[in-house]
Amino acid sequence: MNPYSRNLYFSSATFSEYKVTLDIRFIDTIEDIIQDCKENLLNTLKAHNFIQLIDTCNACEFHIHTHTLDEILTASPDDKIYICDGHC
């Protein structure tokens, strides 16, 4: 396993457990993580023409409240890091 990979999972009623793996060498802020993960999710939804889900995703205000940036950078590649949609 790549030591620079981090697994991020969406935690929401609609997108629960959607997984994105990011390389932490290209991350500067928590906002970068959220934006990259949301973009990944949106690209998947667009590839399958899930119009209503695209609208739902665009309306979500995702955040990470379980980890700081430092904790994400020093986490194990096996750790699960959750991105919530505001209904947590």
N, C-alpha and C. Protein backbone atom coordinates (compact mmCIF):
# COMPACT_ATOMS: atom_id res chain seq x y z
N MET A 1 0.84 -1.18 0.00
CA MET A 1 0.00 0.00 0.00
C MET A 1 0.88 1.24 0.00
N ASN A 2 0.46 2.23 -0.73
CA ASN A 2 1.19 3.48 -0.84
C ASN A 2 1.10 4.24 0.50
N PRO A 3 2.24 4.58 1.11
CA PRO A 3 2.19 5.28 2.40
C PRO A 3 1.63 6.70 2.30
N TYR A 4 1.50 7.22 1.10
CA TYR A 4 0.96 8.57 0.91
C TYR A 4 -0.54 8.58 0.59
N SER A 5 -1.15 7.41 0.51
CA SER A 5 -2.57 7.31 0.21
C SER A 5 -3.40 7.43 1.48
N ARG A 6 -4.52 8.12 1.35
CA ARG A 6 -5.48 8.21 2.45
C ARG A 6 -6.86 7.90 1.87
N ASN A 7 -7.60 7.07 2.59
CA ASN A 7 -8.95 6.68 2.18
C ASN A 7 -9.97 7.56 2.87
N LEU A 8 -10.75 8.24 2.06
CA LEU A 8 -11.80 9.13 2.57
C LEU A 8 -13.15 8.57 2.14
N TYR A 9 -14.07 8.56 3.08
CA TYR A 9 -15.40 8.00 2.84
C TYR A 9 -16.45 9.06 3.12
N PHE A 10 -17.41 9.16 2.22
CA PHE A 10 -18.52 10.06 2.47
C PHE A 10 -19.44 9.43 3.50
N SER A 11 -19.88 10.24 4.42
CA SER A 11 -20.81 9.81 5.45
C SER A 11 -22.06 10.67 5.31
N SER A 12 -23.03 10.15 4.57
CA SER A 12 -24.27 10.88 4.35
C SER A 12 -25.35 9.89 3.98
N ALA A 13 -26.59 10.30 4.10
CA ALA A 13 -27.70 9.42 3.76
C ALA A 13 -27.68 9.05 2.28
N THR A 14 -27.21 9.95 1.44
CA THR A 14 -27.24 9.72 -0.01
C THR A 14 -25.96 9.07 -0.53
N PHE A 15 -24.81 9.49 -0.03
CA PHE A 15 -23.53 9.05 -0.61
C PHE A 15 -22.70 8.19 0.35
N SER A 16 -23.33 7.61 1.32
CA SER A 16 -22.66 6.86 2.36
C SER A 16 -21.69 5.81 1.81
N GLU A 17 -20.48 5.85 2.35
CA GLU A 17 -19.40 4.90 2.04
C GLU A 17 -18.80 5.04 0.65
N TYR A 18 -19.15 6.08 -0.11
CA TYR A 18 -18.44 6.34 -1.36
C TYR A 18 -17.00 6.65 -0.98
N LYS A 19 -16.07 5.92 -1.57
CA LYS A 19 -14.66 6.01 -1.18
C LYS A 19 -13.83 6.74 -2.23
N VAL A 20 -12.96 7.61 -1.74
CA VAL A 20 -11.98 8.30 -2.59
C VAL A 20 -10.62 8.11 -1.93
N THR A 21 -9.64 7.73 -2.73
CA THR A 21 -8.27 7.60 -2.23
C THR A 21 -7.46 8.76 -2.80
N LEU A 22 -6.86 9.53 -1.89
CA LEU A 22 -6.06 10.70 -2.29
C LEU A 22 -4.60 10.52 -1.90
N ASP A 23 -3.74 11.15 -2.66
CA ASP A 23 -2.30 11.19 -2.35
C ASP A 23 -2.05 12.46 -1.54
N ILE A 24 -1.62 12.32 -0.30
CA ILE A 24 -1.46 13.47 0.59
C ILE A 24 -0.33 14.41 0.17
N ARG A 25 0.51 13.98 -0.74
CA ARG A 25 1.59 14.87 -1.20
C ARG A 25 1.04 16.05 -2.00
N PHE A 26 -0.21 15.96 -2.42
CA PHE A 26 -0.81 17.01 -3.24
C PHE A 26 -1.91 17.76 -2.50
N ILE A 27 -1.89 17.70 -1.19
CA ILE A 27 -2.92 18.32 -0.36
C ILE A 27 -2.28 19.39 0.52
N ASP A 28 -2.91 20.56 0.56
CA ASP A 28 -2.43 21.64 1.42
C ASP A 28 -3.40 21.98 2.55
N THR A 29 -4.68 21.74 2.31
CA THR A 29 -5.69 22.12 3.30
C THR A 29 -6.80 21.07 3.36
N ILE A 30 -7.59 21.13 4.41
CA ILE A 30 -8.78 20.27 4.49
C ILE A 30 -9.74 20.61 3.36
N GLU A 31 -9.81 21.87 3.01
CA GLU A 31 -10.69 22.29 1.91
C GLU A 31 -10.26 21.63 0.59
N ASP A 32 -8.95 21.47 0.39
CA ASP A 32 -8.45 20.76 -0.80
C ASP A 32 -8.98 19.32 -0.83
N ILE A 33 -8.94 18.69 0.32
CA ILE A 33 -9.41 17.30 0.43
C ILE A 33 -10.88 17.22 0.07
N ILE A 34 -11.68 18.09 0.68
CA ILE A 34 -13.12 18.08 0.44
C ILE A 34 -13.41 18.36 -1.03
N GLN A 35 -12.75 19.35 -1.60
CA GLN A 35 -12.96 19.70 -3.00
C GLN A 35 -12.58 18.55 -3.93
N ASP A 36 -11.43 17.93 -3.70
CA ASP A 36 -10.99 16.82 -4.55
C ASP A 36 -11.95 15.63 -4.45
N CYS A 37 -12.41 15.33 -3.24
CA CYS A 37 -13.34 14.21 -3.05
C CYS A 37 -14.69 14.51 -3.68
N LYS A 38 -15.18 15.72 -3.51
CA LYS A 38 -16.46 16.10 -4.11
C LYS A 38 -16.36 16.06 -5.64
N GLU A 39 -15.26 16.52 -6.18
CA GLU A 39 -15.05 16.49 -7.62
C GLU A 39 -15.04 15.05 -8.14
N ASN A 40 -14.40 14.16 -7.40
CA ASN A 40 -14.36 12.74 -7.76
C ASN A 40 -15.77 12.16 -7.78
N LEU A 41 -16.55 12.45 -6.73
CA LEU A 41 -17.93 11.98 -6.66
C LEU A 41 -18.75 12.54 -7.81
N LEU A 42 -18.64 13.84 -8.05
CA LEU A 42 -19.40 14.46 -9.14
C LEU A 42 -19.04 13.87 -10.50
N ASN A 43 -17.76 13.59 -10.71
CA ASN A 43 -17.35 12.98 -11.98
C ASN A 43 -17.98 11.61 -12.17
N THR A 44 -18.07 10.84 -11.10
CA THR A 44 -18.72 9.53 -11.17
C THR A 44 -20.21 9.68 -11.48
N LEU A 45 -20.86 10.62 -10.80
CA LEU A 45 -22.29 10.84 -11.03
C LEU A 45 -22.55 11.33 -12.46
N LYS A 46 -21.68 12.21 -12.95
CA LYS A 46 -21.84 12.73 -14.32
C LYS A 46 -21.61 11.64 -15.35
N ALA A 47 -20.66 10.74 -15.09
CA ALA A 47 -20.37 9.65 -16.02
C ALA A 47 -21.58 8.74 -16.22
N HIS A 48 -22.44 8.68 -15.22
CA HIS A 48 -23.63 7.83 -15.29
C HIS A 48 -24.92 8.64 -15.45
N ASN A 49 -24.75 9.94 -15.68
CA ASN A 49 -25.87 10.85 -15.93
C ASN A 49 -26.92 10.83 -14.82
N PHE A 50 -26.45 10.80 -13.57
CA PHE A 50 -27.35 10.83 -12.41
C PHE A 50 -27.66 12.29 -12.05
N ILE A 51 -28.54 12.89 -12.81
CA ILE A 51 -28.82 14.32 -12.71
C ILE A 51 -29.28 14.73 -11.32
N GLN A 52 -30.25 14.01 -10.76
CA GLN A 52 -30.77 14.37 -9.44
C GLN A 52 -29.68 14.24 -8.37
N LEU A 53 -28.85 13.21 -8.47
CA LEU A 53 -27.77 13.03 -7.49
C LEU A 53 -26.70 14.11 -7.65
N ILE A 54 -26.47 14.56 -8.87
CA ILE A 54 -25.53 15.66 -9.09
C ILE A 54 -26.04 16.91 -8.38
N ASP A 55 -27.33 17.20 -8.54
CA ASP A 55 -27.92 18.35 -7.87
C ASP A 55 -27.83 18.21 -6.35
N THR A 56 -28.09 17.02 -5.85
CA THR A 56 -28.01 16.76 -4.41
C THR A 56 -26.59 16.98 -3.91
N CYS A 57 -25.62 16.46 -4.64
CA CYS A 57 -24.21 16.61 -4.25
C CYS A 57 -23.81 18.09 -4.26
N ASN A 58 -24.20 18.81 -5.28
CA ASN A 58 -23.86 20.23 -5.36
C ASN A 58 -24.46 21.04 -4.23
N ALA A 59 -25.58 20.59 -3.69
CA ALA A 59 -26.23 21.30 -2.59
C ALA A 59 -25.63 20.97 -1.23
N CYS A 60 -24.85 19.91 -1.16
CA CYS A 60 -24.27 19.48 0.12
C CYS A 60 -23.11 20.38 0.54
N GLU A 61 -23.02 20.61 1.83
CA GLU A 61 -21.89 21.35 2.40
C GLU A 61 -21.07 20.35 3.20
N PHE A 62 -20.12 19.73 2.52
CA PHE A 62 -19.31 18.69 3.13
C PHE A 62 -18.27 19.29 4.08
N HIS A 63 -17.91 18.51 5.09
CA HIS A 63 -16.87 18.93 6.03
C HIS A 63 -16.25 17.70 6.68
N ILE A 64 -15.09 17.91 7.27
CA ILE A 64 -14.40 16.86 8.04
C ILE A 64 -14.26 17.40 9.45
N HIS A 65 -14.85 16.73 10.41
CA HIS A 65 -14.75 17.20 11.79
C HIS A 65 -14.09 16.18 12.71
N THR A 66 -13.72 15.03 12.18
CA THR A 66 -13.10 14.00 13.01
C THR A 66 -11.59 14.05 13.01
N HIS A 67 -11.00 14.73 12.03
CA HIS A 67 -9.54 14.80 11.91
C HIS A 67 -9.10 16.21 11.54
N THR A 68 -7.99 16.62 12.09
CA THR A 68 -7.33 17.84 11.62
C THR A 68 -6.49 17.49 10.41
N LEU A 69 -5.98 18.50 9.72
CA LEU A 69 -5.10 18.23 8.59
C LEU A 69 -3.87 17.45 9.04
N ASP A 70 -3.27 17.82 10.16
CA ASP A 70 -2.09 17.11 10.66
C ASP A 70 -2.40 15.64 10.94
N GLU A 71 -3.58 15.38 11.50
CA GLU A 71 -3.96 14.00 11.78
C GLU A 71 -4.17 13.20 10.49
N ILE A 72 -4.68 13.84 9.46
CA ILE A 72 -4.84 13.16 8.17
C ILE A 72 -3.48 12.87 7.56
N LEU A 73 -2.59 13.84 7.63
CA LEU A 73 -1.26 13.66 7.04
C LEU A 73 -0.45 12.57 7.74
N THR A 74 -0.68 12.39 9.03
CA THR A 74 0.09 11.38 9.79
C THR A 74 -0.69 10.09 10.02
N ALA A 75 -1.89 10.00 9.49
CA ALA A 75 -2.71 8.80 9.67
C ALA A 75 -2.11 7.62 8.89
N SER A 76 -2.52 6.45 9.30
CA SER A 76 -2.15 5.24 8.58
C SER A 76 -2.92 5.19 7.26
N PRO A 77 -2.32 4.65 6.21
CA PRO A 77 -3.06 4.50 4.96
C PRO A 77 -4.31 3.63 5.10
N ASP A 78 -4.38 2.83 6.15
CA ASP A 78 -5.54 1.97 6.38
C ASP A 78 -6.68 2.66 7.13
N ASP A 79 -6.43 3.82 7.70
CA ASP A 79 -7.46 4.52 8.47
C ASP A 79 -8.59 5.00 7.57
N LYS A 80 -9.79 5.03 8.14
CA LYS A 80 -10.94 5.60 7.44
C LYS A 80 -11.14 7.03 7.93
N ILE A 81 -11.22 7.94 7.00
CA ILE A 81 -11.46 9.35 7.30
C ILE A 81 -12.80 9.70 6.65
N TYR A 82 -13.71 10.26 7.44
CA TYR A 82 -15.06 10.51 6.95
C TYR A 82 -15.30 11.97 6.59
N ILE A 83 -16.02 12.15 5.49
CA ILE A 83 -16.46 13.45 5.03
C ILE A 83 -17.97 13.48 5.24
N CYS A 84 -18.43 14.35 6.11
CA CYS A 84 -19.85 14.45 6.43
C CYS A 84 -20.52 15.51 5.57
N ASP A 85 -21.84 15.41 5.46
CA ASP A 85 -22.57 16.35 4.61
C ASP A 85 -23.37 17.38 5.41
N GLY A 86 -23.13 17.48 6.67
CA GLY A 86 -23.83 18.47 7.49
C GLY A 86 -25.00 17.90 8.26
N HIS A 87 -25.33 16.65 8.04
CA HIS A 87 -26.43 16.01 8.75
C HIS A 87 -25.91 15.00 9.76
N CYS A 88 -24.72 15.25 10.26
CA CYS A 88 -24.12 14.30 11.19
C CYS A 88 -24.30 14.74 12.63
